[in-house]
Amino acid sequence: MQEHLAEAAGIKAAYERFASEFQYERYGEEVEKASLCGERLTERLRRLAMESLAEPGRQRVYEERLIRSHWITAGYEEGILRVELPFLLPHRKSKYTDYIYQPLFLAMEKWCGERGKAGAEVPAFREAVVGFCHVYDKGKPQVRVRDHDNIEEKQVVDALGTFFLESDGGLYLDTFHTTVMGDGDRTEVFLMEKGRFGEWVKAFYVGE
């Protein structure tokens, strides 16, 4: 990880001097490699912590802290579930993407539990559409924007499917992707019945 970070620092210095998109792309690649090393370490530490905390009370406290540390939020309005992840999803060929599933699973488990206790509806979808809105920081080069077919979505679909979908098979779930430029990087996920998708996508683009 240190080697990748050192390489990234050198490339970034060259980018700031020459403002080359090629150099920025190389910088991003090295940062991604360093990040994946860190994520692998984080996942191993997470599993070690869960295995080491024998008391259920301490496990619940740890899970709460884990959810808060990732700043995952969820809301449900007019038949549409909206989940915000404060990061961009990785490339589908990344060797390590498991780090997405556990925090999202725990966040959705907590959200469903809280709604159940409050007597609020916990949505369930039979034939659904999941929409991914990839928000890229507009202050950074657009070379960062990836093709939609290169974005890993499986971990998100698997986590949401556990709580809200009858099935994520092709007959039950359609997938939609769009990209916008915004303030900071994040991923917004929308889950709805197929019958609501037309009105939702129209409102998304036209604002009606």
N, C-alpha and C. Protein backbone atom coordinates (compact mmCIF):
# COMPACT_ATOMS: atom_id res chain seq x y z
N MET A 1 0.82 -1.19 0.00
CA MET A 1 0.00 0.00 0.00
C MET A 1 0.87 1.25 0.00
N GLN A 2 1.93 1.24 0.81
CA GLN A 2 2.83 2.38 0.85
C GLN A 2 3.51 2.61 -0.50
N GLU A 3 3.87 1.53 -1.17
CA GLU A 3 4.51 1.66 -2.47
C GLU A 3 3.58 2.32 -3.48
N HIS A 4 2.30 1.91 -3.48
CA HIS A 4 1.33 2.50 -4.41
C HIS A 4 1.08 3.97 -4.08
N LEU A 5 1.03 4.30 -2.79
CA LEU A 5 0.81 5.69 -2.39
C LEU A 5 2.00 6.57 -2.79
N ALA A 6 3.21 6.03 -2.63
CA ALA A 6 4.41 6.78 -3.01
C ALA A 6 4.43 7.02 -4.52
N GLU A 7 4.07 6.00 -5.29
CA GLU A 7 4.01 6.13 -6.74
C GLU A 7 2.94 7.15 -7.13
N ALA A 8 1.80 7.10 -6.45
CA ALA A 8 0.72 8.04 -6.74
C ALA A 8 1.15 9.47 -6.46
N ALA A 9 1.90 9.68 -5.38
CA ALA A 9 2.35 11.02 -5.04
C ALA A 9 3.25 11.60 -6.13
N GLY A 10 4.14 10.75 -6.67
CA GLY A 10 5.02 11.20 -7.73
C GLY A 10 4.26 11.55 -9.00
N ILE A 11 3.28 10.71 -9.34
CA ILE A 11 2.47 10.95 -10.54
C ILE A 11 1.63 12.22 -10.37
N LYS A 12 1.09 12.42 -9.17
CA LYS A 12 0.27 13.61 -8.92
C LYS A 12 1.10 14.88 -9.08
N ALA A 13 2.33 14.84 -8.61
CA ALA A 13 3.21 16.00 -8.75
C ALA A 13 3.44 16.33 -10.23
N ALA A 14 3.60 15.27 -11.04
CA ALA A 14 3.79 15.47 -12.47
C ALA A 14 2.52 16.01 -13.11
N TYR A 15 1.38 15.52 -12.66
CA TYR A 15 0.10 16.00 -13.20
C TYR A 15 -0.09 17.48 -12.89
N GLU A 16 0.19 17.86 -11.66
CA GLU A 16 0.02 19.26 -11.27
C GLU A 16 0.96 20.17 -12.04
N ARG A 17 2.07 19.62 -12.51
CA ARG A 17 3.04 20.42 -13.28
C ARG A 17 2.66 20.51 -14.75
N PHE A 18 2.18 19.37 -15.31
CA PHE A 18 1.93 19.34 -16.75
C PHE A 18 0.45 19.25 -17.12
N ALA A 19 -0.43 18.98 -16.13
CA ALA A 19 -1.89 18.93 -16.36
C ALA A 19 -2.26 17.96 -17.48
N SER A 20 -1.66 16.77 -17.45
CA SER A 20 -1.94 15.75 -18.47
C SER A 20 -3.01 14.78 -17.96
N GLU A 21 -4.04 14.54 -18.78
CA GLU A 21 -5.08 13.58 -18.40
C GLU A 21 -4.51 12.17 -18.26
N PHE A 22 -3.50 11.86 -19.08
CA PHE A 22 -2.87 10.54 -18.98
C PHE A 22 -2.24 10.35 -17.60
N GLN A 23 -1.57 11.40 -17.13
CA GLN A 23 -0.95 11.31 -15.80
C GLN A 23 -2.00 11.21 -14.70
N TYR A 24 -3.11 11.94 -14.88
CA TYR A 24 -4.16 11.86 -13.86
C TYR A 24 -4.76 10.45 -13.83
N GLU A 25 -4.91 9.84 -14.99
CA GLU A 25 -5.44 8.48 -15.04
C GLU A 25 -4.50 7.51 -14.35
N ARG A 26 -3.20 7.66 -14.57
CA ARG A 26 -2.21 6.81 -13.89
C ARG A 26 -2.26 7.04 -12.38
N TYR A 27 -2.40 8.30 -12.00
CA TYR A 27 -2.53 8.63 -10.57
C TYR A 27 -3.72 7.91 -9.96
N GLY A 28 -4.86 7.94 -10.66
CA GLY A 28 -6.05 7.27 -10.17
C GLY A 28 -5.85 5.77 -10.03
N GLU A 29 -5.14 5.18 -10.98
CA GLU A 29 -4.89 3.74 -10.93
C GLU A 29 -4.07 3.36 -9.70
N GLU A 30 -3.05 4.15 -9.40
CA GLU A 30 -2.21 3.86 -8.24
C GLU A 30 -2.97 4.07 -6.93
N VAL A 31 -3.80 5.12 -6.88
CA VAL A 31 -4.61 5.35 -5.68
C VAL A 31 -5.60 4.20 -5.49
N GLU A 32 -6.18 3.71 -6.59
CA GLU A 32 -7.12 2.60 -6.50
C GLU A 32 -6.42 1.34 -5.96
N LYS A 33 -5.22 1.08 -6.44
CA LYS A 33 -4.49 -0.09 -5.97
C LYS A 33 -4.20 0.02 -4.47
N ALA A 34 -3.80 1.22 -4.02
CA ALA A 34 -3.54 1.43 -2.60
C ALA A 34 -4.81 1.28 -1.79
N SER A 35 -5.90 1.80 -2.33
CA SER A 35 -7.19 1.72 -1.64
C SER A 35 -7.64 0.27 -1.47
N LEU A 36 -7.46 -0.52 -2.53
CA LEU A 36 -7.88 -1.92 -2.45
C LEU A 36 -7.06 -2.68 -1.42
N CYS A 37 -5.76 -2.36 -1.32
CA CYS A 37 -4.94 -2.97 -0.26
C CYS A 37 -5.51 -2.61 1.11
N GLY A 38 -5.88 -1.34 1.28
CA GLY A 38 -6.45 -0.91 2.54
C GLY A 38 -7.79 -1.57 2.84
N GLU A 39 -8.60 -1.76 1.79
CA GLU A 39 -9.90 -2.39 1.99
C GLU A 39 -9.74 -3.85 2.41
N ARG A 40 -8.77 -4.54 1.82
CA ARG A 40 -8.54 -5.93 2.22
C ARG A 40 -8.15 -6.01 3.70
N LEU A 41 -7.29 -5.09 4.11
CA LEU A 41 -6.88 -5.06 5.51
C LEU A 41 -8.08 -4.74 6.41
N THR A 42 -8.90 -3.79 5.98
CA THR A 42 -10.08 -3.42 6.76
C THR A 42 -11.02 -4.59 6.92
N GLU A 43 -11.25 -5.33 5.84
CA GLU A 43 -12.16 -6.48 5.90
C GLU A 43 -11.63 -7.55 6.85
N ARG A 44 -10.34 -7.78 6.82
CA ARG A 44 -9.77 -8.78 7.73
C ARG A 44 -9.89 -8.33 9.18
N LEU A 45 -9.65 -7.05 9.43
CA LEU A 45 -9.80 -6.53 10.78
C LEU A 45 -11.26 -6.59 11.23
N ARG A 46 -12.18 -6.30 10.30
CA ARG A 46 -13.60 -6.35 10.62
C ARG A 46 -14.02 -7.76 11.03
N ARG A 47 -13.57 -8.74 10.27
CA ARG A 47 -13.91 -10.13 10.60
C ARG A 47 -13.28 -10.54 11.93
N LEU A 48 -12.05 -10.11 12.17
CA LEU A 48 -11.38 -10.42 13.42
C LEU A 48 -12.13 -9.81 14.60
N ALA A 49 -12.60 -8.58 14.42
CA ALA A 49 -13.35 -7.92 15.50
C ALA A 49 -14.65 -8.66 15.79
N MET A 50 -15.38 -9.05 14.73
CA MET A 50 -16.65 -9.75 14.92
C MET A 50 -16.45 -11.10 15.59
N GLU A 51 -15.36 -11.76 15.25
CA GLU A 51 -15.06 -13.06 15.84
C GLU A 51 -14.59 -12.94 17.29
N SER A 52 -13.97 -11.80 17.62
CA SER A 52 -13.38 -11.63 18.94
C SER A 52 -14.36 -11.09 19.98
N LEU A 53 -15.42 -10.42 19.52
CA LEU A 53 -16.39 -9.84 20.45
C LEU A 53 -17.44 -10.89 20.80
N ALA A 54 -17.21 -11.57 21.90
CA ALA A 54 -18.09 -12.68 22.27
C ALA A 54 -19.44 -12.20 22.81
N GLU A 55 -19.46 -11.05 23.46
CA GLU A 55 -20.69 -10.56 24.06
C GLU A 55 -21.59 -9.93 22.98
N PRO A 56 -22.85 -10.37 22.89
CA PRO A 56 -23.78 -9.81 21.88
C PRO A 56 -23.91 -8.30 21.98
N GLY A 57 -23.89 -7.76 23.19
CA GLY A 57 -24.02 -6.32 23.36
C GLY A 57 -22.88 -5.57 22.70
N ARG A 58 -21.66 -6.06 22.88
CA ARG A 58 -20.50 -5.40 22.27
C ARG A 58 -20.52 -5.55 20.75
N GLN A 59 -21.03 -6.68 20.26
CA GLN A 59 -21.15 -6.87 18.82
C GLN A 59 -22.11 -5.84 18.22
N ARG A 60 -23.24 -5.61 18.90
CA ARG A 60 -24.20 -4.63 18.40
C ARG A 60 -23.61 -3.23 18.38
N VAL A 61 -22.86 -2.89 19.42
CA VAL A 61 -22.21 -1.57 19.46
C VAL A 61 -21.23 -1.43 18.30
N TYR A 62 -20.47 -2.49 18.04
CA TYR A 62 -19.51 -2.45 16.93
C TYR A 62 -20.22 -2.27 15.60
N GLU A 63 -21.32 -2.99 15.41
CA GLU A 63 -22.07 -2.88 14.17
C GLU A 63 -22.60 -1.47 13.99
N GLU A 64 -23.09 -0.86 15.07
CA GLU A 64 -23.57 0.52 15.00
C GLU A 64 -22.45 1.46 14.56
N ARG A 65 -21.28 1.29 15.15
CA ARG A 65 -20.15 2.15 14.79
C ARG A 65 -19.74 1.92 13.34
N LEU A 66 -19.80 0.68 12.90
CA LEU A 66 -19.43 0.36 11.52
C LEU A 66 -20.37 1.06 10.55
N ILE A 67 -21.67 1.03 10.84
CA ILE A 67 -22.64 1.69 9.97
C ILE A 67 -22.39 3.19 9.92
N ARG A 68 -22.19 3.79 11.08
CA ARG A 68 -21.98 5.24 11.14
C ARG A 68 -20.71 5.65 10.41
N SER A 69 -19.69 4.80 10.48
CA SER A 69 -18.40 5.15 9.87
C SER A 69 -18.49 5.22 8.35
N HIS A 70 -19.48 4.55 7.75
CA HIS A 70 -19.62 4.55 6.30
C HIS A 70 -20.64 5.57 5.80
N TRP A 71 -21.37 6.21 6.69
CA TRP A 71 -22.31 7.27 6.31
C TRP A 71 -23.29 6.81 5.25
N ILE A 72 -23.82 5.62 5.40
CA ILE A 72 -24.84 5.11 4.48
C ILE A 72 -26.21 5.58 4.99
N THR A 73 -27.01 6.17 4.11
CA THR A 73 -28.33 6.65 4.49
C THR A 73 -29.40 6.02 3.61
N ALA A 74 -30.62 5.93 4.13
CA ALA A 74 -31.74 5.35 3.38
C ALA A 74 -33.02 6.10 3.70
N GLY A 75 -33.92 6.12 2.73
CA GLY A 75 -35.22 6.74 2.91
C GLY A 75 -36.23 6.07 1.99
N TYR A 76 -37.50 6.20 2.33
CA TYR A 76 -38.56 5.57 1.52
C TYR A 76 -39.71 6.54 1.39
N GLU A 77 -40.04 6.89 0.14
CA GLU A 77 -41.09 7.87 -0.10
C GLU A 77 -41.78 7.58 -1.42
N GLU A 78 -43.11 7.59 -1.40
CA GLU A 78 -43.93 7.38 -2.60
C GLU A 78 -43.55 6.10 -3.34
N GLY A 79 -43.30 5.05 -2.59
CA GLY A 79 -43.02 3.75 -3.18
C GLY A 79 -41.61 3.56 -3.71
N ILE A 80 -40.71 4.50 -3.41
CA ILE A 80 -39.34 4.41 -3.91
C ILE A 80 -38.35 4.42 -2.74
N LEU A 81 -37.51 3.39 -2.69
CA LEU A 81 -36.44 3.31 -1.70
C LEU A 81 -35.21 4.00 -2.26
N ARG A 82 -34.63 4.91 -1.48
CA ARG A 82 -33.43 5.62 -1.90
C ARG A 82 -32.32 5.37 -0.89
N VAL A 83 -31.19 4.88 -1.37
CA VAL A 83 -30.03 4.60 -0.53
C VAL A 83 -28.85 5.39 -1.09
N GLU A 84 -28.15 6.08 -0.22
CA GLU A 84 -26.98 6.84 -0.65
C GLU A 84 -25.70 6.25 -0.05
N LEU A 85 -24.75 5.97 -0.92
CA LEU A 85 -23.44 5.48 -0.52
C LEU A 85 -22.43 6.60 -0.76
N PRO A 86 -21.65 6.98 0.22
CA PRO A 86 -20.74 8.12 0.07
C PRO A 86 -19.45 7.78 -0.67
N PHE A 87 -19.57 6.97 -1.71
CA PHE A 87 -18.39 6.61 -2.52
C PHE A 87 -18.88 6.12 -3.87
N LEU A 88 -17.98 6.08 -4.83
CA LEU A 88 -18.28 5.51 -6.14
C LEU A 88 -18.07 4.00 -6.10
N LEU A 89 -18.91 3.29 -6.82
CA LEU A 89 -18.74 1.83 -6.89
C LEU A 89 -17.48 1.50 -7.69
N PRO A 90 -16.82 0.41 -7.36
CA PRO A 90 -15.56 0.06 -8.04
C PRO A 90 -15.77 -0.51 -9.43
N HIS A 91 -14.69 -0.67 -10.14
CA HIS A 91 -14.70 -1.30 -11.46
C HIS A 91 -15.09 -2.77 -11.29
N ARG A 92 -15.86 -3.28 -12.23
CA ARG A 92 -16.35 -4.66 -12.11
C ARG A 92 -15.23 -5.69 -12.14
N LYS A 93 -14.05 -5.31 -12.65
CA LYS A 93 -12.93 -6.23 -12.69
C LYS A 93 -12.01 -6.10 -11.48
N SER A 94 -12.40 -5.24 -10.54
CA SER A 94 -11.61 -5.13 -9.32
C SER A 94 -11.57 -6.47 -8.61
N LYS A 95 -10.42 -6.82 -8.09
CA LYS A 95 -10.26 -8.13 -7.46
C LYS A 95 -10.95 -8.20 -6.11
N TYR A 96 -11.29 -7.02 -5.55
CA TYR A 96 -11.85 -7.04 -4.21
C TYR A 96 -12.99 -6.03 -4.10
N THR A 97 -14.21 -6.52 -3.94
CA THR A 97 -15.37 -5.64 -3.79
C THR A 97 -16.22 -6.01 -2.58
N ASP A 98 -15.82 -7.02 -1.82
CA ASP A 98 -16.62 -7.49 -0.69
C ASP A 98 -16.82 -6.42 0.38
N TYR A 99 -15.93 -5.43 0.42
CA TYR A 99 -16.03 -4.42 1.47
C TYR A 99 -17.33 -3.62 1.39
N ILE A 100 -18.01 -3.63 0.24
CA ILE A 100 -19.26 -2.89 0.09
C ILE A 100 -20.41 -3.60 0.80
N TYR A 101 -20.44 -4.93 0.72
CA TYR A 101 -21.61 -5.69 1.14
C TYR A 101 -21.90 -5.58 2.63
N GLN A 102 -20.91 -5.82 3.48
CA GLN A 102 -21.18 -5.91 4.91
C GLN A 102 -21.72 -4.61 5.51
N PRO A 103 -21.10 -3.45 5.26
CA PRO A 103 -21.67 -2.21 5.82
C PRO A 103 -23.07 -1.93 5.29
N LEU A 104 -23.31 -2.18 3.99
CA LEU A 104 -24.63 -1.94 3.42
C LEU A 104 -25.66 -2.90 4.00
N PHE A 105 -25.29 -4.16 4.14
CA PHE A 105 -26.19 -5.15 4.75
C PHE A 105 -26.58 -4.74 6.16
N LEU A 106 -25.60 -4.36 6.97
CA LEU A 106 -25.89 -3.97 8.35
C LEU A 106 -26.74 -2.70 8.41
N ALA A 107 -26.47 -1.75 7.51
CA ALA A 107 -27.25 -0.51 7.48
C ALA A 107 -28.70 -0.79 7.13
N MET A 108 -28.94 -1.68 6.14
CA MET A 108 -30.30 -1.99 5.75
C MET A 108 -31.01 -2.83 6.82
N GLU A 109 -30.28 -3.70 7.47
CA GLU A 109 -30.86 -4.49 8.57
C GLU A 109 -31.32 -3.56 9.70
N LYS A 110 -30.50 -2.59 10.03
CA LYS A 110 -30.84 -1.63 11.08
C LYS A 110 -32.04 -0.77 10.64
N TRP A 111 -32.03 -0.31 9.41
CA TRP A 111 -33.11 0.54 8.89
C TRP A 111 -34.44 -0.20 8.92
N CYS A 112 -34.44 -1.44 8.46
CA CYS A 112 -35.67 -2.24 8.46
C CYS A 112 -36.15 -2.49 9.89
N GLY A 113 -35.21 -2.78 10.79
CA GLY A 113 -35.58 -3.02 12.18
C GLY A 113 -36.21 -1.80 12.82
N GLU A 114 -35.64 -0.63 12.56
CA GLU A 114 -36.17 0.60 13.14
C GLU A 114 -37.56 0.92 12.59
N ARG A 115 -37.77 0.70 11.30
CA ARG A 115 -39.09 0.95 10.72
C ARG A 115 -40.12 -0.04 11.25
N GLY A 116 -39.69 -1.29 11.43
CA GLY A 116 -40.61 -2.29 11.98
C GLY A 116 -41.06 -1.93 13.38
N LYS A 117 -40.13 -1.49 14.21
CA LYS A 117 -40.46 -1.11 15.59
C LYS A 117 -41.38 0.11 15.62
N ALA A 118 -41.22 1.00 14.63
CA ALA A 118 -42.03 2.21 14.59
C ALA A 118 -43.38 1.98 13.91
N GLY A 119 -43.60 0.76 13.42
CA GLY A 119 -44.86 0.46 12.74
C GLY A 119 -44.92 1.02 11.33
N ALA A 120 -43.77 1.41 10.76
CA ALA A 120 -43.72 1.95 9.40
C ALA A 120 -43.55 0.82 8.39
N GLU A 121 -43.91 1.10 7.16
CA GLU A 121 -43.83 0.10 6.11
C GLU A 121 -42.38 -0.24 5.77
N VAL A 122 -42.10 -1.53 5.65
CA VAL A 122 -40.82 -2.00 5.12
C VAL A 122 -41.11 -2.47 3.70
N PRO A 123 -40.62 -1.78 2.69
CA PRO A 123 -40.99 -2.09 1.31
C PRO A 123 -40.54 -3.48 0.87
N ALA A 124 -41.33 -4.05 -0.02
CA ALA A 124 -41.00 -5.34 -0.65
C ALA A 124 -41.40 -5.23 -2.11
N PHE A 125 -40.50 -5.63 -2.99
CA PHE A 125 -40.72 -5.47 -4.42
C PHE A 125 -40.68 -6.84 -5.11
N ARG A 126 -41.67 -7.09 -5.96
CA ARG A 126 -41.70 -8.35 -6.69
C ARG A 126 -41.03 -8.19 -8.06
N GLU A 127 -41.54 -7.27 -8.88
CA GLU A 127 -40.92 -6.97 -10.17
C GLU A 127 -40.43 -5.53 -10.08
N ALA A 128 -39.11 -5.36 -10.03
CA ALA A 128 -38.55 -4.07 -9.65
C ALA A 128 -37.51 -3.57 -10.64
N VAL A 129 -37.18 -2.29 -10.46
CA VAL A 129 -36.07 -1.66 -11.17
C VAL A 129 -35.15 -1.06 -10.12
N VAL A 130 -33.86 -1.29 -10.27
CA VAL A 130 -32.88 -0.64 -9.41
C VAL A 130 -32.11 0.35 -10.27
N GLY A 131 -32.13 1.61 -9.85
CA GLY A 131 -31.45 2.66 -10.59
C GLY A 131 -30.21 3.13 -9.87
N PHE A 132 -29.10 3.20 -10.57
CA PHE A 132 -27.84 3.67 -10.00
C PHE A 132 -27.53 5.04 -10.60
N CYS A 133 -27.37 6.03 -9.75
CA CYS A 133 -26.92 7.35 -10.18
C CYS A 133 -25.51 7.55 -9.65
N HIS A 134 -24.55 7.59 -10.55
CA HIS A 134 -23.14 7.73 -10.18
C HIS A 134 -22.79 9.22 -10.22
N VAL A 135 -22.53 9.79 -9.07
CA VAL A 135 -22.24 11.22 -8.98
C VAL A 135 -20.74 11.43 -8.84
N TYR A 136 -20.15 12.11 -9.83
CA TYR A 136 -18.71 12.37 -9.82
C TYR A 136 -18.45 13.83 -9.44
N ASP A 137 -17.38 14.04 -8.72
CA ASP A 137 -16.99 15.37 -8.31
C ASP A 137 -16.69 16.23 -9.54
N LYS A 138 -17.47 17.28 -9.74
CA LYS A 138 -17.31 18.13 -10.92
C LYS A 138 -16.01 18.93 -10.90
N GLY A 139 -15.35 18.97 -9.75
CA GLY A 139 -14.09 19.70 -9.66
C GLY A 139 -12.89 18.88 -10.09
N LYS A 140 -13.12 17.62 -10.48
CA LYS A 140 -12.02 16.76 -10.90
C LYS A 140 -12.17 16.40 -12.38
N PRO A 141 -11.10 15.97 -13.05
CA PRO A 141 -11.15 15.68 -14.49
C PRO A 141 -12.21 14.63 -14.85
N GLN A 142 -12.89 14.84 -15.97
CA GLN A 142 -13.94 13.93 -16.40
C GLN A 142 -13.41 12.59 -16.88
N VAL A 143 -12.07 12.49 -17.03
CA VAL A 143 -11.49 11.21 -17.41
C VAL A 143 -11.78 10.13 -16.37
N ARG A 144 -12.15 10.55 -15.16
CA ARG A 144 -12.48 9.60 -14.09
C ARG A 144 -13.78 8.84 -14.37
N VAL A 145 -14.66 9.41 -15.18
CA VAL A 145 -15.97 8.81 -15.41
C VAL A 145 -15.83 7.51 -16.20
N ARG A 146 -16.41 6.44 -15.67
CA ARG A 146 -16.30 5.12 -16.29
C ARG A 146 -17.56 4.76 -17.08
N ASP A 147 -17.41 3.84 -18.02
CA ASP A 147 -18.56 3.28 -18.72
C ASP A 147 -19.44 2.55 -17.72
N HIS A 148 -20.74 2.62 -17.91
CA HIS A 148 -21.65 1.96 -16.98
C HIS A 148 -21.48 0.45 -16.94
N ASP A 149 -21.10 -0.14 -18.07
CA ASP A 149 -20.96 -1.60 -18.07
C ASP A 149 -19.67 -2.06 -17.40
N ASN A 150 -18.86 -1.11 -16.92
CA ASN A 150 -17.65 -1.46 -16.19
C ASN A 150 -17.78 -1.26 -14.69
N ILE A 151 -18.99 -0.98 -14.22
CA ILE A 151 -19.19 -0.67 -12.80
C ILE A 151 -19.75 -1.89 -12.07
N GLU A 152 -19.16 -2.22 -10.95
CA GLU A 152 -19.58 -3.36 -10.15
C GLU A 152 -20.85 -3.00 -9.37
N GLU A 153 -21.90 -3.77 -9.57
CA GLU A 153 -23.17 -3.52 -8.88
C GLU A 153 -23.63 -4.71 -8.04
N LYS A 154 -22.99 -5.85 -8.17
CA LYS A 154 -23.47 -7.08 -7.55
C LYS A 154 -23.60 -6.96 -6.03
N GLN A 155 -22.60 -6.36 -5.38
CA GLN A 155 -22.64 -6.29 -3.92
C GLN A 155 -23.83 -5.49 -3.43
N VAL A 156 -24.16 -4.42 -4.14
CA VAL A 156 -25.31 -3.59 -3.77
C VAL A 156 -26.61 -4.35 -3.99
N VAL A 157 -26.75 -4.97 -5.14
CA VAL A 157 -27.97 -5.73 -5.44
C VAL A 157 -28.16 -6.87 -4.46
N ASP A 158 -27.08 -7.57 -4.14
CA ASP A 158 -27.19 -8.70 -3.19
C ASP A 158 -27.64 -8.22 -1.82
N ALA A 159 -27.08 -7.10 -1.34
CA ALA A 159 -27.45 -6.60 -0.02
C ALA A 159 -28.90 -6.12 0.01
N LEU A 160 -29.31 -5.37 -1.00
CA LEU A 160 -30.69 -4.88 -1.04
C LEU A 160 -31.67 -6.03 -1.27
N GLY A 161 -31.26 -6.99 -2.08
CA GLY A 161 -32.14 -8.11 -2.38
C GLY A 161 -32.52 -8.92 -1.17
N THR A 162 -31.61 -9.02 -0.21
CA THR A 162 -31.88 -9.78 1.01
C THR A 162 -33.10 -9.25 1.74
N PHE A 163 -33.32 -7.95 1.70
CA PHE A 163 -34.38 -7.32 2.48
C PHE A 163 -35.60 -6.90 1.67
N PHE A 164 -35.41 -6.60 0.38
CA PHE A 164 -36.49 -5.93 -0.33
C PHE A 164 -36.96 -6.63 -1.61
N LEU A 165 -36.22 -7.61 -2.13
CA LEU A 165 -36.56 -8.20 -3.42
C LEU A 165 -37.02 -9.64 -3.27
N GLU A 166 -38.01 -10.00 -4.08
CA GLU A 166 -38.40 -11.41 -4.15
C GLU A 166 -37.32 -12.20 -4.85
N SER A 167 -36.72 -11.59 -5.87
CA SER A 167 -35.63 -12.23 -6.61
C SER A 167 -34.88 -11.15 -7.37
N ASP A 168 -33.58 -11.39 -7.60
CA ASP A 168 -32.83 -10.47 -8.45
C ASP A 168 -32.57 -11.09 -9.82
N GLY A 169 -33.35 -12.11 -10.18
CA GLY A 169 -33.24 -12.73 -11.49
C GLY A 169 -33.73 -11.80 -12.58
N GLY A 170 -33.37 -12.11 -13.82
CA GLY A 170 -33.70 -11.25 -14.95
C GLY A 170 -35.18 -11.01 -15.16
N LEU A 171 -36.03 -11.95 -14.78
CA LEU A 171 -37.46 -11.77 -14.94
C LEU A 171 -38.06 -10.85 -13.87
N TYR A 172 -37.31 -10.60 -12.82
CA TYR A 172 -37.83 -9.83 -11.68
C TYR A 172 -37.17 -8.47 -11.50
N LEU A 173 -35.94 -8.31 -11.97
CA LEU A 173 -35.21 -7.07 -11.69
C LEU A 173 -34.54 -6.52 -12.94
N ASP A 174 -34.84 -5.25 -13.23
CA ASP A 174 -34.17 -4.51 -14.30
C ASP A 174 -33.19 -3.53 -13.66
N THR A 175 -32.15 -3.16 -14.42
CA THR A 175 -31.13 -2.27 -13.91
C THR A 175 -30.98 -1.05 -14.80
N PHE A 176 -30.83 0.10 -14.18
CA PHE A 176 -30.68 1.37 -14.88
C PHE A 176 -29.48 2.12 -14.31
N HIS A 177 -28.67 2.72 -15.20
CA HIS A 177 -27.51 3.49 -14.76
C HIS A 177 -27.53 4.87 -15.40
N THR A 178 -27.13 5.87 -14.65
CA THR A 178 -26.92 7.21 -15.19
C THR A 178 -25.78 7.86 -14.42
N THR A 179 -25.14 8.84 -15.05
CA THR A 179 -24.02 9.54 -14.44
C THR A 179 -24.27 11.04 -14.46
N VAL A 180 -23.97 11.72 -13.36
CA VAL A 180 -24.08 13.17 -13.30
C VAL A 180 -22.83 13.71 -12.62
N MET A 181 -22.56 14.98 -12.86
CA MET A 181 -21.46 15.67 -12.18
C MET A 181 -22.06 16.46 -11.02
N GLY A 182 -21.41 16.40 -9.86
CA GLY A 182 -21.97 17.05 -8.68
C GLY A 182 -20.88 17.47 -7.71
N ASP A 183 -21.31 17.78 -6.52
CA ASP A 183 -20.37 18.19 -5.45
C ASP A 183 -19.91 16.94 -4.69
N GLY A 184 -18.74 16.45 -5.00
CA GLY A 184 -18.22 15.26 -4.34
C GLY A 184 -18.67 13.98 -5.01
N ASP A 185 -17.98 12.89 -4.68
CA ASP A 185 -18.29 11.57 -5.21
C ASP A 185 -19.31 10.87 -4.32
N ARG A 186 -20.26 10.17 -4.93
CA ARG A 186 -21.20 9.34 -4.18
C ARG A 186 -21.99 8.49 -5.18
N THR A 187 -22.73 7.53 -4.64
CA THR A 187 -23.61 6.69 -5.45
C THR A 187 -25.00 6.73 -4.84
N GLU A 188 -25.99 7.09 -5.64
CA GLU A 188 -27.38 7.09 -5.19
C GLU A 188 -28.08 5.90 -5.84
N VAL A 189 -28.75 5.11 -5.02
CA VAL A 189 -29.43 3.90 -5.51
C VAL A 189 -30.92 4.05 -5.25
N PHE A 190 -31.73 3.77 -6.29
CA PHE A 190 -33.18 3.88 -6.19
C PHE A 190 -33.80 2.53 -6.53
N LEU A 191 -34.70 2.06 -5.69
CA LEU A 191 -35.35 0.78 -5.90
C LEU A 191 -36.85 1.00 -5.92
N MET A 192 -37.52 0.49 -6.96
CA MET A 192 -38.96 0.73 -7.12
C MET A 192 -39.59 -0.38 -7.95
N GLU A 193 -40.93 -0.47 -7.91
CA GLU A 193 -41.63 -1.38 -8.78
C GLU A 193 -41.50 -0.89 -10.22
N LYS A 194 -41.53 -1.82 -11.17
CA LYS A 194 -41.36 -1.46 -12.58
C LYS A 194 -42.39 -0.45 -13.05
N GLY A 195 -43.59 -0.53 -12.51
CA GLY A 195 -44.64 0.39 -12.92
C GLY A 195 -44.37 1.83 -12.56
N ARG A 196 -43.50 2.09 -11.62
CA ARG A 196 -43.17 3.46 -11.21
C ARG A 196 -41.98 4.04 -11.98
N PHE A 197 -41.29 3.20 -12.70
CA PHE A 197 -40.02 3.64 -13.29
C PHE A 197 -40.21 4.77 -14.31
N GLY A 198 -41.22 4.68 -15.16
CA GLY A 198 -41.43 5.69 -16.19
C GLY A 198 -41.58 7.08 -15.60
N GLU A 199 -42.43 7.23 -14.60
CA GLU A 199 -42.64 8.53 -13.97
C GLU A 199 -41.37 9.00 -13.25
N TRP A 200 -40.71 8.05 -12.60
CA TRP A 200 -39.50 8.41 -11.85
C TRP A 200 -38.40 8.92 -12.76
N VAL A 201 -38.14 8.23 -13.86
CA VAL A 201 -37.05 8.64 -14.75
C VAL A 201 -37.38 9.96 -15.44
N LYS A 202 -38.66 10.19 -15.72
CA LYS A 202 -39.07 11.47 -16.31
C LYS A 202 -38.80 12.60 -15.32
N ALA A 203 -39.18 12.39 -14.07
CA ALA A 203 -38.95 13.40 -13.04
C ALA A 203 -37.46 13.62 -12.81
N PHE A 204 -36.70 12.55 -12.91
CA PHE A 204 -35.26 12.65 -12.67
C PHE A 204 -34.59 13.56 -13.69
N TYR A 205 -34.98 13.42 -14.96
CA TYR A 205 -34.34 14.20 -16.02
C TYR A 205 -35.01 15.54 -16.30
N VAL A 206 -36.34 15.56 -16.16
CA VAL A 206 -37.07 16.78 -16.52
C VAL A 206 -37.42 17.60 -15.30
N GLY A 207 -37.52 16.92 -14.15
CA GLY A 207 -37.85 17.61 -12.90
C GLY A 207 -39.33 17.85 -12.72
N GLU A 208 -40.15 17.05 -13.39
CA GLU A 208 -41.60 17.21 -13.25
C GLU A 208 -42.13 16.28 -12.17
